[in-house]
Amino acid sequence: MLALTKISNICQKLKRILSLGCRILWQKFMRGDAVMPYKICPYCGKTSYSAAESPSIEWLCPYCGKDISHAESLTSVPRKEKEDEEK
């Protein structure tokens, strides 16, 4: 009975997440199509990845520490493992 209660709680939490407008992102994540924003630092030339992007957040290069919020944003689709490609 305790396991059933935990499953019910998890389902309720997932339902809330999905109802908050995250359905598309969640579906992409589950399919492996989620994208990860990144920028190339114009100062040091290294790649800076982020879990999410927002214009209100200052994006600092993790290598040189400079603000790269103004740099062009790119997106990366995670590479599939060789096992996934062979299936």
C-alpha atoms as a PDB file:
ATOM      1  CA  MET A   1       0.000   0.000   0.000  1.00  0.00           C
ATOM      2  CA  LEU A   2       2.890   2.365   0.779  1.00  0.00           C
ATOM      3  CA  ALA A   3       4.379   1.802  -2.703  1.00  0.00           C
ATOM      4  CA  LEU A   4       1.036   2.637  -4.291  1.00  0.00           C
ATOM      5  CA  THR A   5       0.889   5.900  -2.318  1.00  0.00           C
ATOM      6  CA  LYS A   6       4.405   6.838  -3.487  1.00  0.00           C
ATOM      7  CA  ILE A   7       3.492   6.100  -7.099  1.00  0.00           C
ATOM      8  CA  SER A   8       0.372   8.234  -6.742  1.00  0.00           C
ATOM      9  CA  ASN A   9       2.437  11.119  -5.320  1.00  0.00           C
ATOM     10  CA  ILE A  10       4.934  10.868  -8.179  1.00  0.00           C
ATOM     11  CA  CYS A  11       2.114  10.856 -10.734  1.00  0.00           C
ATOM     12  CA  GLN A  12       0.563  13.954  -9.155  1.00  0.00           C
ATOM     13  CA  LYS A  13       3.900  15.778  -9.275  1.00  0.00           C
ATOM     14  CA  LEU A  14       4.436  14.815 -12.911  1.00  0.00           C
ATOM     15  CA  LYS A  15       0.921  15.969 -13.732  1.00  0.00           C
ATOM     16  CA  ARG A  16       1.719  19.379 -12.203  1.00  0.00           C
ATOM     17  CA  ILE A  17       4.959  19.638 -14.185  1.00  0.00           C
ATOM     18  CA  LEU A  18       3.179  18.797 -17.411  1.00  0.00           C
ATOM     19  CA  SER A  19       0.390  21.259 -16.717  1.00  0.00           C
ATOM     20  CA  LEU A  20       2.843  24.131 -16.233  1.00  0.00           C
ATOM     21  CA  GLY A  21       3.558  24.370 -19.939  1.00  0.00           C
ATOM     22  CA  CYS A  22       6.488  21.960 -19.819  1.00  0.00           C
ATOM     23  CA  ARG A  23       4.779  19.235 -21.820  1.00  0.00           C
ATOM     24  CA  ILE A  24       6.724  19.856 -25.046  1.00  0.00           C
ATOM     25  CA  LEU A  25      10.078  20.096 -23.271  1.00  0.00           C
ATOM     26  CA  TRP A  26       9.308  16.952 -21.265  1.00  0.00           C
ATOM     27  CA  GLN A  27       8.342  15.059 -24.438  1.00  0.00           C
ATOM     28  CA  LYS A  28      11.536  16.163 -26.180  1.00  0.00           C
ATOM     29  CA  PHE A  29      13.576  15.106 -23.164  1.00  0.00           C
ATOM     30  CA  MET A  30      11.929  11.683 -23.088  1.00  0.00           C
ATOM     31  CA  ARG A  31      12.584  11.197 -26.829  1.00  0.00           C
ATOM     32  CA  GLY A  32      16.168  12.394 -26.495  1.00  0.00           C
ATOM     33  CA  ASP A  33      15.503  15.467 -28.659  1.00  0.00           C
ATOM     34  CA  ALA A  34      16.155  18.050 -25.938  1.00  0.00           C
ATOM     35  CA  VAL A  35      18.467  20.855 -26.976  1.00  0.00           C
ATOM     36  CA  MET A  36      21.180  22.521 -24.957  1.00  0.00           C
ATOM     37  CA  PRO A  37      21.960  26.196 -25.568  1.00  0.00           C
ATOM     38  CA  TYR A  38      25.586  27.202 -25.890  1.00  0.00           C
ATOM     39  CA  LYS A  39      27.716  30.168 -26.893  1.00  0.00           C
ATOM     40  CA  ILE A  40      31.227  30.559 -28.205  1.00  0.00           C
ATOM     41  CA  CYS A  41      33.046  33.065 -26.015  1.00  0.00           C
ATOM     42  CA  PRO A  42      34.252  35.965 -28.205  1.00  0.00           C
ATOM     43  CA  TYR A  43      37.083  36.631 -25.725  1.00  0.00           C
ATOM     44  CA  CYS A  44      38.701  33.210 -25.229  1.00  0.00           C
ATOM     45  CA  GLY A  45      37.036  31.166 -28.012  1.00  0.00           C
ATOM     46  CA  LYS A  46      35.860  28.365 -25.729  1.00  0.00           C
ATOM     47  CA  THR A  47      32.366  26.870 -25.673  1.00  0.00           C
ATOM     48  CA  SER A  48      30.024  27.650 -22.795  1.00  0.00           C
ATOM     49  CA  TYR A  49      26.967  25.409 -22.307  1.00  0.00           C
ATOM     50  CA  SER A  50      23.843  26.173 -20.307  1.00  0.00           C
ATOM     51  CA  ALA A  51      20.892  24.089 -19.153  1.00  0.00           C
ATOM     52  CA  ALA A  52      18.547  26.918 -20.107  1.00  0.00           C
ATOM     53  CA  GLU A  53      18.653  30.379 -21.576  1.00  0.00           C
ATOM     54  CA  SER A  54      16.981  33.540 -20.377  1.00  0.00           C
ATOM     55  CA  PRO A  55      17.604  37.131 -21.448  1.00  0.00           C
ATOM     56  CA  SER A  56      17.325  38.266 -17.818  1.00  0.00           C
ATOM     57  CA  ILE A  57      20.250  36.102 -16.682  1.00  0.00           C
ATOM     58  CA  GLU A  58      23.845  37.210 -17.130  1.00  0.00           C
ATOM     59  CA  TRP A  59      25.765  34.492 -18.999  1.00  0.00           C
ATOM     60  CA  LEU A  60      29.385  34.373 -17.834  1.00  0.00           C
ATOM     61  CA  CYS A  61      32.052  32.349 -19.602  1.00  0.00           C
ATOM     62  CA  PRO A  62      33.176  29.588 -17.218  1.00  0.00           C
ATOM     63  CA  TYR A  63      36.744  29.841 -18.566  1.00  0.00           C
ATOM     64  CA  CYS A  64      37.579  33.551 -18.630  1.00  0.00           C
ATOM     65  CA  GLY A  65      34.717  34.876 -16.458  1.00  0.00           C
ATOM     66  CA  LYS A  66      33.624  37.583 -18.919  1.00  0.00           C
ATOM     67  CA  ASP A  67      29.992  38.401 -19.688  1.00  0.00           C
ATOM     68  CA  ILE A  68      29.000  36.761 -22.981  1.00  0.00           C
ATOM     69  CA  SER A  69      25.258  37.473 -22.765  1.00  0.00           C
ATOM     70  CA  HIS A  70      25.531  39.521 -25.973  1.00  0.00           C
ATOM     71  CA  ALA A  71      27.106  36.640 -27.954  1.00  0.00           C
ATOM     72  CA  GLU A  72      25.017  34.652 -30.434  1.00  0.00           C
ATOM     73  CA  SER A  73      23.191  31.680 -28.900  1.00  0.00           C
ATOM     74  CA  LEU A  74      23.377  28.318 -30.589  1.00  0.00           C
ATOM     75  CA  THR A  75      21.674  25.045 -29.758  1.00  0.00           C
ATOM     76  CA  SER A  76      23.066  21.571 -29.616  1.00  0.00           C
ATOM     77  CA  VAL A  77      21.159  18.324 -29.935  1.00  0.00           C
ATOM     78  CA  PRO A  78      22.745  15.635 -27.762  1.00  0.00           C
ATOM     79  CA  ARG A  79      24.659  13.069 -29.799  1.00  0.00           C
ATOM     80  CA  LYS A  80      23.198   9.597 -29.851  1.00  0.00           C
ATOM     81  CA  GLU A  81      25.397   6.775 -28.682  1.00  0.00           C
ATOM     82  CA  LYS A  82      26.620   4.282 -31.273  1.00  0.00           C
ATOM     83  CA  GLU A  83      24.365   1.607 -29.765  1.00  0.00           C
ATOM     84  CA  ASP A  84      21.326   3.831 -30.375  1.00  0.00           C
ATOM     85  CA  GLU A  85      22.328   4.435 -34.005  1.00  0.00           C
ATOM     86  CA  GLU A  86      22.719   0.712 -34.699  1.00  0.00           C
ATOM     87  CA  LYS A  87      19.216  -0.126 -33.425  1.00  0.00           C
END
